Amino acid sequence: MTKPQFDFNEALEQLQSGKGLTGKDGVLTPLIKQLTEAALKAELDLHLAEDTSANRKNGYIKKTVKSGMGEFELDTPL
């Protein structure tokens, strides 16, 4: 699953044009989403590497997360 990287130059342009930093469509929301998904995937990969039984990983599911930075949707590993 390849995801586009957070574009800092684009984020800076959005901030300069008046777009908000936080919230549902905030400039930082995609970065927080990307970091959270990477952490969840790493945690699951580590767990599966330590588990000696068959691999139970079976794709991703969408979950909505509410944070102080706003609400966003995550692709969480199953």
PDB file of N, CA and C in Angstrom:
ATOM      1  N   MET A   1       0.852  -1.178   0.000  1.00  0.00           N
ATOM      2  CA  MET A   1       0.000   0.000   0.000  1.00  0.00           C
ATOM      3  C   MET A   1       0.895   1.238   0.000  1.00  0.00           C
ATOM      4  N   THR A   2       1.044   1.879  -1.129  1.00  0.00           N
ATOM      5  CA  THR A   2       1.889   3.055  -1.253  1.00  0.00           C
ATOM      6  C   THR A   2       1.043   4.304  -1.081  1.00  0.00           C
ATOM      7  N   LYS A   3       1.508   5.179  -0.213  1.00  0.00           N
ATOM      8  CA  LYS A   3       0.783   6.409   0.049  1.00  0.00           C
ATOM      9  C   LYS A   3       1.663   7.594  -0.308  1.00  0.00           C
ATOM     10  N   PRO A   4       1.061   8.678  -0.772  1.00  0.00           N
ATOM     11  CA  PRO A   4       1.864   9.864  -1.071  1.00  0.00           C
ATOM     12  C   PRO A   4       2.431  10.458   0.215  1.00  0.00           C
ATOM     13  N   GLN A   5       3.627  10.979   0.104  1.00  0.00           N
ATOM     14  CA  GLN A   5       4.274  11.601   1.252  1.00  0.00           C
ATOM     15  C   GLN A   5       3.704  12.997   1.483  1.00  0.00           C
ATOM     16  N   PHE A   6       3.760  13.450   2.723  1.00  0.00           N
ATOM     17  CA  PHE A   6       3.303  14.781   3.080  1.00  0.00           C
ATOM     18  C   PHE A   6       4.182  15.800   2.374  1.00  0.00           C
ATOM     19  N   ASP A   7       3.587  16.745   1.683  1.00  0.00           N
ATOM     20  CA  ASP A   7       4.318  17.761   0.923  1.00  0.00           C
ATOM     21  C   ASP A   7       4.414  19.040   1.758  1.00  0.00           C
ATOM     22  N   PHE A   8       5.593  19.281   2.325  1.00  0.00           N
ATOM     23  CA  PHE A   8       5.781  20.437   3.198  1.00  0.00           C
ATOM     24  C   PHE A   8       5.633  21.758   2.445  1.00  0.00           C
ATOM     25  N   ASN A   9       6.095  21.797   1.194  1.00  0.00           N
ATOM     26  CA  ASN A   9       5.976  23.029   0.411  1.00  0.00           C
ATOM     27  C   ASN A   9       4.512  23.362   0.129  1.00  0.00           C
ATOM     28  N   GLU A  10       3.737  22.332  -0.196  1.00  0.00           N
ATOM     29  CA  GLU A  10       2.309  22.542  -0.420  1.00  0.00           C
ATOM     30  C   GLU A  10       1.622  22.993   0.874  1.00  0.00           C
ATOM     31  N   ALA A  11       2.010  22.385   1.995  1.00  0.00           N
ATOM     32  CA  ALA A  11       1.431  22.775   3.286  1.00  0.00           C
ATOM     33  C   ALA A  11       1.739  24.230   3.603  1.00  0.00           C
ATOM     34  N   LEU A  12       2.959  24.650   3.326  1.00  0.00           N
ATOM     35  CA  LEU A  12       3.340  26.040   3.564  1.00  0.00           C
ATOM     36  C   LEU A  12       2.519  26.985   2.698  1.00  0.00           C
ATOM     37  N   GLU A  13       2.322  26.631   1.431  1.00  0.00           N
ATOM     38  CA  GLU A  13       1.499  27.454   0.537  1.00  0.00           C
ATOM     39  C   GLU A  13       0.067  27.554   1.047  1.00  0.00           C
ATOM     40  N   GLN A  14      -0.460  26.431   1.540  1.00  0.00           N
ATOM     41  CA  GLN A  14      -1.826  26.435   2.068  1.00  0.00           C
ATOM     42  C   GLN A  14      -1.932  27.336   3.291  1.00  0.00           C
ATOM     43  N   LEU A  15      -0.940  27.272   4.161  1.00  0.00           N
ATOM     44  CA  LEU A  15      -0.944  28.148   5.340  1.00  0.00           C
ATOM     45  C   LEU A  15      -0.872  29.615   4.934  1.00  0.00           C
ATOM     46  N   GLN A  16      -0.030  29.908   3.963  1.00  0.00           N
ATOM     47  CA  GLN A  16       0.118  31.291   3.499  1.00  0.00           C
ATOM     48  C   GLN A  16      -1.141  31.798   2.816  1.00  0.00           C
ATOM     49  N   SER A  17      -1.933  30.885   2.252  1.00  0.00           N
ATOM     50  CA  SER A  17      -3.179  31.294   1.605  1.00  0.00           C
ATOM     51  C   SER A  17      -4.342  31.394   2.589  1.00  0.00           C
ATOM     52  N   GLY A  18      -4.073  31.072   3.862  1.00  0.00           N
ATOM     53  CA  GLY A  18      -5.095  31.249   4.890  1.00  0.00           C
ATOM     54  C   GLY A  18      -5.782  29.988   5.359  1.00  0.00           C
ATOM     55  N   LYS A  19      -5.389  28.836   4.863  1.00  0.00           N
ATOM     56  CA  LYS A  19      -6.006  27.584   5.307  1.00  0.00           C
ATOM     57  C   LYS A  19      -5.614  27.302   6.748  1.00  0.00           C
ATOM     58  N   GLY A  20      -6.521  26.744   7.515  1.00  0.00           N
ATOM     59  CA  GLY A  20      -6.286  26.471   8.931  1.00  0.00           C
ATOM     60  C   GLY A  20      -5.265  25.369   9.160  1.00  0.00           C
ATOM     61  N   LEU A  21      -4.619  25.415  10.293  1.00  0.00           N
ATOM     62  CA  LEU A  21      -3.599  24.442  10.653  1.00  0.00           C
ATOM     63  C   LEU A  21      -4.211  23.125  11.109  1.00  0.00           C
ATOM     64  N   THR A  22      -5.325  23.207  11.844  1.00  0.00           N
ATOM     65  CA  THR A  22      -5.954  22.015  12.404  1.00  0.00           C
ATOM     66  C   THR A  22      -7.388  21.892  11.913  1.00  0.00           C
ATOM     67  N   GLY A  23      -8.044  20.827  12.326  1.00  0.00           N
ATOM     68  CA  GLY A  23      -9.434  20.598  11.935  1.00  0.00           C
ATOM     69  C   GLY A  23      -9.527  19.581  10.827  1.00  0.00           C
ATOM     70  N   LYS A  24     -10.729  19.290  10.406  1.00  0.00           N
ATOM     71  CA  LYS A  24     -10.964  18.243   9.411  1.00  0.00           C
ATOM     72  C   LYS A  24     -10.172  18.475   8.127  1.00  0.00           C
ATOM     73  N   ASP A  25     -10.129  19.675   7.632  1.00  0.00           N
ATOM     74  CA  ASP A  25      -9.400  19.981   6.399  1.00  0.00           C
ATOM     75  C   ASP A  25      -8.135  20.779   6.688  1.00  0.00           C
ATOM     76  N   GLY A  26      -7.604  20.644   7.908  1.00  0.00           N
ATOM     77  CA  GLY A  26      -6.417  21.387   8.301  1.00  0.00           C
ATOM     78  C   GLY A  26      -5.167  20.942   7.562  1.00  0.00           C
ATOM     79  N   VAL A  27      -4.187  21.812   7.534  1.00  0.00           N
ATOM     80  CA  VAL A  27      -2.939  21.550   6.833  1.00  0.00           C
ATOM     81  C   VAL A  27      -2.194  20.364   7.444  1.00  0.00           C
ATOM     82  N   LEU A  28      -2.228  20.217   8.765  1.00  0.00           N
ATOM     83  CA  LEU A  28      -1.488  19.142   9.425  1.00  0.00           C
ATOM     84  C   LEU A  28      -2.241  17.811   9.505  1.00  0.00           C
ATOM     85  N   THR A  29      -3.520  17.805   9.225  1.00  0.00           N
ATOM     86  CA  THR A  29      -4.317  16.588   9.350  1.00  0.00           C
ATOM     87  C   THR A  29      -3.775  15.428   8.506  1.00  0.00           C
ATOM     88  N   PRO A  30      -3.381  15.632   7.239  1.00  0.00           N
ATOM     89  CA  PRO A  30      -2.815  14.503   6.470  1.00  0.00           C
ATOM     90  C   PRO A  30      -1.518  13.959   7.078  1.00  0.00           C
ATOM     91  N   LEU A  31      -0.697  14.832   7.654  1.00  0.00           N
ATOM     92  CA  LEU A  31       0.551  14.382   8.274  1.00  0.00           C
ATOM     93  C   LEU A  31       0.264  13.546   9.516  1.00  0.00           C
ATOM     94  N   ILE A  32      -0.674  13.975  10.330  1.00  0.00           N
ATOM     95  CA  ILE A  32      -1.046  13.221  11.535  1.00  0.00           C
ATOM     96  C   ILE A  32      -1.624  11.869  11.141  1.00  0.00           C
ATOM     97  N   LYS A  33      -2.456  11.850  10.107  1.00  0.00           N
ATOM     98  CA  LYS A  33      -3.033  10.600   9.606  1.00  0.00           C
ATOM     99  C   LYS A  33      -1.925   9.656   9.139  1.00  0.00           C
ATOM    100  N   GLN A  34      -0.994  10.162   8.362  1.00  0.00           N
ATOM    101  CA  GLN A  34       0.097   9.338   7.835  1.00  0.00           C
ATOM    102  C   GLN A  34       0.965   8.784   8.964  1.00  0.00           C
ATOM    103  N   LEU A  35       1.293   9.582   9.944  1.00  0.00           N
ATOM    104  CA  LEU A  35       2.110   9.131  11.072  1.00  0.00           C
ATOM    105  C   LEU A  35       1.382   8.081  11.913  1.00  0.00           C
ATOM    106  N   THR A  36       0.098   8.289  12.153  1.00  0.00           N
ATOM    107  CA  THR A  36      -0.684   7.351  12.956  1.00  0.00           C
ATOM    108  C   THR A  36      -0.819   6.008  12.248  1.00  0.00           C
ATOM    109  N   GLU A  37      -1.093   6.026  10.939  1.00  0.00           N
ATOM    110  CA  GLU A  37      -1.198   4.784  10.188  1.00  0.00           C
ATOM    111  C   GLU A  37       0.133   4.032  10.167  1.00  0.00           C
ATOM    112  N   ALA A  38       1.242   4.754  10.026  1.00  0.00           N
ATOM    113  CA  ALA A  38       2.565   4.111  10.027  1.00  0.00           C
ATOM    114  C   ALA A  38       2.848   3.467  11.381  1.00  0.00           C
ATOM    115  N   ALA A  39       2.463   4.140  12.467  1.00  0.00           N
ATOM    116  CA  ALA A  39       2.681   3.585  13.803  1.00  0.00           C
ATOM    117  C   ALA A  39       1.842   2.326  14.019  1.00  0.00           C
ATOM    118  N   LEU A  40       0.586   2.348  13.570  1.00  0.00           N
ATOM    119  CA  LEU A  40      -0.275   1.165  13.713  1.00  0.00           C
ATOM    120  C   LEU A  40       0.266  -0.008  12.903  1.00  0.00           C
ATOM    121  N   LYS A  41       0.724   0.253  11.685  1.00  0.00           N
ATOM    122  CA  LYS A  41       1.278  -0.807  10.849  1.00  0.00           C
ATOM    123  C   LYS A  41       2.545  -1.386  11.473  1.00  0.00           C
ATOM    124  N   ALA A  42       3.417  -0.527  11.991  1.00  0.00           N
ATOM    125  CA  ALA A  42       4.654  -0.993  12.623  1.00  0.00           C
ATOM    126  C   ALA A  42       4.352  -1.834  13.858  1.00  0.00           C
ATOM    127  N   GLU A  43       3.364  -1.410  14.633  1.00  0.00           N
ATOM    128  CA  GLU A  43       2.988  -2.167  15.825  1.00  0.00           C
ATOM    129  C   GLU A  43       2.474  -3.556  15.450  1.00  0.00           C
ATOM    130  N   LEU A  44       1.637  -3.637  14.434  1.00  0.00           N
ATOM    131  CA  LEU A  44       1.110  -4.929  14.000  1.00  0.00           C
ATOM    132  C   LEU A  44       2.219  -5.807  13.420  1.00  0.00           C
ATOM    133  N   ASP A  45       3.094  -5.228  12.604  1.00  0.00           N
ATOM    134  CA  ASP A  45       4.206  -5.990  12.030  1.00  0.00           C
ATOM    135  C   ASP A  45       5.092  -6.571  13.120  1.00  0.00           C
ATOM    136  N   LEU A  46       5.370  -5.793  14.161  1.00  0.00           N
ATOM    137  CA  LEU A  46       6.186  -6.266  15.277  1.00  0.00           C
ATOM    138  C   LEU A  46       5.481  -7.409  16.004  1.00  0.00           C
ATOM    139  N   HIS A  47       4.194  -7.238  16.234  1.00  0.00           N
ATOM    140  CA  HIS A  47       3.413  -8.276  16.912  1.00  0.00           C
ATOM    141  C   HIS A  47       3.424  -9.573  16.104  1.00  0.00           C
ATOM    142  N   LEU A  48       3.221  -9.464  14.798  1.00  0.00           N
ATOM    143  CA  LEU A  48       3.195 -10.661  13.952  1.00  0.00           C
ATOM    144  C   LEU A  48       4.569 -11.316  13.858  1.00  0.00           C
ATOM    145  N   ALA A  49       5.618 -10.534  13.916  1.00  0.00           N
ATOM    146  CA  ALA A  49       6.977 -11.085  13.856  1.00  0.00           C
ATOM    147  C   ALA A  49       7.280 -11.904  15.118  1.00  0.00           C
ATOM    148  N   GLU A  50       6.708 -11.503  16.244  1.00  0.00           N
ATOM    149  CA  GLU A  50       6.933 -12.211  17.507  1.00  0.00           C
ATOM    150  C   GLU A  50       6.009 -13.416  17.664  1.00  0.00           C
ATOM    151  N   ASP A  51       4.918 -13.448  16.933  1.00  0.00           N
ATOM    152  CA  ASP A  51       3.921 -14.507  17.045  1.00  0.00           C
ATOM    153  C   ASP A  51       4.355 -15.705  16.196  1.00  0.00           C
ATOM    154  N   THR A  52       4.340 -16.896  16.773  1.00  0.00           N
ATOM    155  CA  THR A  52       4.775 -18.090  16.047  1.00  0.00           C
ATOM    156  C   THR A  52       3.632 -18.770  15.298  1.00  0.00           C
ATOM    157  N   SER A  53       2.398 -18.357  15.525  1.00  0.00           N
ATOM    158  CA  SER A  53       1.272 -18.965  14.809  1.00  0.00           C
ATOM    159  C   SER A  53       1.160 -18.358  13.408  1.00  0.00           C
ATOM    160  N   ALA A  54       0.215 -18.868  12.633  1.00  0.00           N
ATOM    161  CA  ALA A  54       0.036 -18.392  11.261  1.00  0.00           C
ATOM    162  C   ALA A  54      -0.299 -16.902  11.232  1.00  0.00           C
ATOM    163  N   ASN A  55       0.098 -16.260  10.152  1.00  0.00           N
ATOM    164  CA  ASN A  55      -0.162 -14.835   9.966  1.00  0.00           C
ATOM    165  C   ASN A  55      -1.662 -14.594   9.849  1.00  0.00           C
ATOM    166  N   ARG A  56      -2.199 -13.731  10.711  1.00  0.00           N
ATOM    167  CA  ARG A  56      -3.620 -13.438  10.707  1.00  0.00           C
ATOM    168  C   ARG A  56      -3.933 -12.078  10.100  1.00  0.00           C
ATOM    169  N   LYS A  57      -2.942 -11.404   9.567  1.00  0.00           N
ATOM    170  CA  LYS A  57      -3.147 -10.082   8.981  1.00  0.00           C
ATOM    171  C   LYS A  57      -3.998 -10.225   7.723  1.00  0.00           C
ATOM    172  N   ASN A  58      -5.034  -9.399   7.626  1.00  0.00           N
ATOM    173  CA  ASN A  58      -5.968  -9.563   6.522  1.00  0.00           C
ATOM    174  C   ASN A  58      -6.467  -8.214   6.003  1.00  0.00           C
ATOM    175  N   GLY A  59      -5.581  -7.335   5.593  1.00  0.00           N
ATOM    176  CA  GLY A  59      -5.996  -6.077   4.985  1.00  0.00           C
ATOM    177  C   GLY A  59      -6.158  -4.932   5.963  1.00  0.00           C
ATOM    178  N   TYR A  60      -6.999  -3.980   5.573  1.00  0.00           N
ATOM    179  CA  TYR A  60      -7.191  -2.754   6.339  1.00  0.00           C
ATOM    180  C   TYR A  60      -8.678  -2.463   6.478  1.00  0.00           C
ATOM    181  N   ILE A  61      -9.003  -1.664   7.481  1.00  0.00           N
ATOM    182  CA  ILE A  61     -10.366  -1.199   7.691  1.00  0.00           C
ATOM    183  C   ILE A  61     -10.292   0.289   8.027  1.00  0.00           C
ATOM    184  N   LYS A  62     -11.302   1.037   7.637  1.00  0.00           N
ATOM    185  CA  LYS A  62     -11.325   2.477   7.907  1.00  0.00           C
ATOM    186  C   LYS A  62     -11.955   2.735   9.275  1.00  0.00           C
ATOM    187  N   LYS A  63     -11.330   3.631  10.022  1.00  0.00           N
ATOM    188  CA  LYS A  63     -11.855   4.062  11.320  1.00  0.00           C
ATOM    189  C   LYS A  63     -11.734   5.571  11.411  1.00  0.00           C
ATOM    190  N   THR A  64     -12.717   6.203  12.016  1.00  0.00           N
ATOM    191  CA  THR A  64     -12.686   7.641  12.208  1.00  0.00           C
ATOM    192  C   THR A  64     -12.101   7.938  13.581  1.00  0.00           C
ATOM    193  N   VAL A  65     -11.114   8.829  13.612  1.00  0.00           N
ATOM    194  CA  VAL A  65     -10.444   9.206  14.844  1.00  0.00           C
ATOM    195  C   VAL A  65     -10.737  10.672  15.128  1.00  0.00           C
ATOM    196  N   LYS A  66     -11.115  10.963  16.368  1.00  0.00           N
ATOM    197  CA  LYS A  66     -11.330  12.340  16.795  1.00  0.00           C
ATOM    198  C   LYS A  66     -10.174  12.724  17.697  1.00  0.00           C
ATOM    199  N   SER A  67      -9.513  13.824  17.367  1.00  0.00           N
ATOM    200  CA  SER A  67      -8.381  14.279  18.167  1.00  0.00           C
ATOM    201  C   SER A  67      -8.484  15.778  18.385  1.00  0.00           C
ATOM    202  N   GLY A  68      -7.548  16.296  19.134  1.00  0.00           N
ATOM    203  CA  GLY A  68      -7.483  17.732  19.354  1.00  0.00           C
ATOM    204  C   GLY A  68      -7.184  18.490  18.079  1.00  0.00           C
ATOM    205  N   MET A  69      -6.630  17.800  17.100  1.00  0.00           N
ATOM    206  CA  MET A  69      -6.290  18.420  15.817  1.00  0.00           C
ATOM    207  C   MET A  69      -7.452  18.337  14.837  1.00  0.00           C
ATOM    208  N   GLY A  70      -8.509  17.647  15.211  1.00  0.00           N
ATOM    209  CA  GLY A  70      -9.653  17.485  14.327  1.00  0.00           C
ATOM    210  C   GLY A  70      -9.972  16.021  14.104  1.00  0.00           C
ATOM    211  N   GLU A  71     -10.948  15.767  13.274  1.00  0.00           N
ATOM    212  CA  GLU A  71     -11.400  14.413  12.985  1.00  0.00           C
ATOM    213  C   GLU A  71     -10.835  13.987  11.637  1.00  0.00           C
ATOM    214  N   PHE A  72     -10.343  12.734  11.566  1.00  0.00           N
ATOM    215  CA  PHE A  72      -9.847  12.216  10.294  1.00  0.00           C
ATOM    216  C   PHE A  72     -10.021  10.717  10.248  1.00  0.00           C
ATOM    217  N   GLU A  73      -9.960  10.157   9.047  1.00  0.00           N
ATOM    218  CA  GLU A  73     -10.177   8.734   8.846  1.00  0.00           C
ATOM    219  C   GLU A  73      -8.834   8.025   8.680  1.00  0.00           C
ATOM    220  N   LEU A  74      -8.663   6.895   9.383  1.00  0.00           N
ATOM    221  CA  LEU A  74      -7.451   6.094   9.309  1.00  0.00           C
ATOM    222  C   LEU A  74      -7.727   4.787   8.588  1.00  0.00           C
ATOM    223  N   ASP A  75      -6.708   4.292   7.901  1.00  0.00           N
ATOM    224  CA  ASP A  75      -6.727   2.920   7.382  1.00  0.00           C
ATOM    225  C   ASP A  75      -5.952   2.076   8.378  1.00  0.00           C
ATOM    226  N   THR A  76      -6.658   1.323   9.224  1.00  0.00           N
ATOM    227  CA  THR A  76      -5.996   0.547  10.262  1.00  0.00           C
ATOM    228  C   THR A  76      -5.862  -0.907   9.831  1.00  0.00           C
ATOM    229  N   PRO A  77      -4.693  -1.521  10.091  1.00  0.00           N
ATOM    230  CA  PRO A  77      -4.503  -2.921   9.714  1.00  0.00           C
ATOM    231  C   PRO A  77      -5.405  -3.826  10.535  1.00  0.00           C
ATOM    232  N   LEU A  78      -5.869  -4.900   9.911  1.00  0.00           N
ATOM    233  CA  LEU A  78      -6.700  -5.883  10.617  1.00  0.00           C
ATOM    234  C   LEU A  78      -5.824  -6.903  11.283  1.00  0.00           C
TER     235      LEU A  78
END
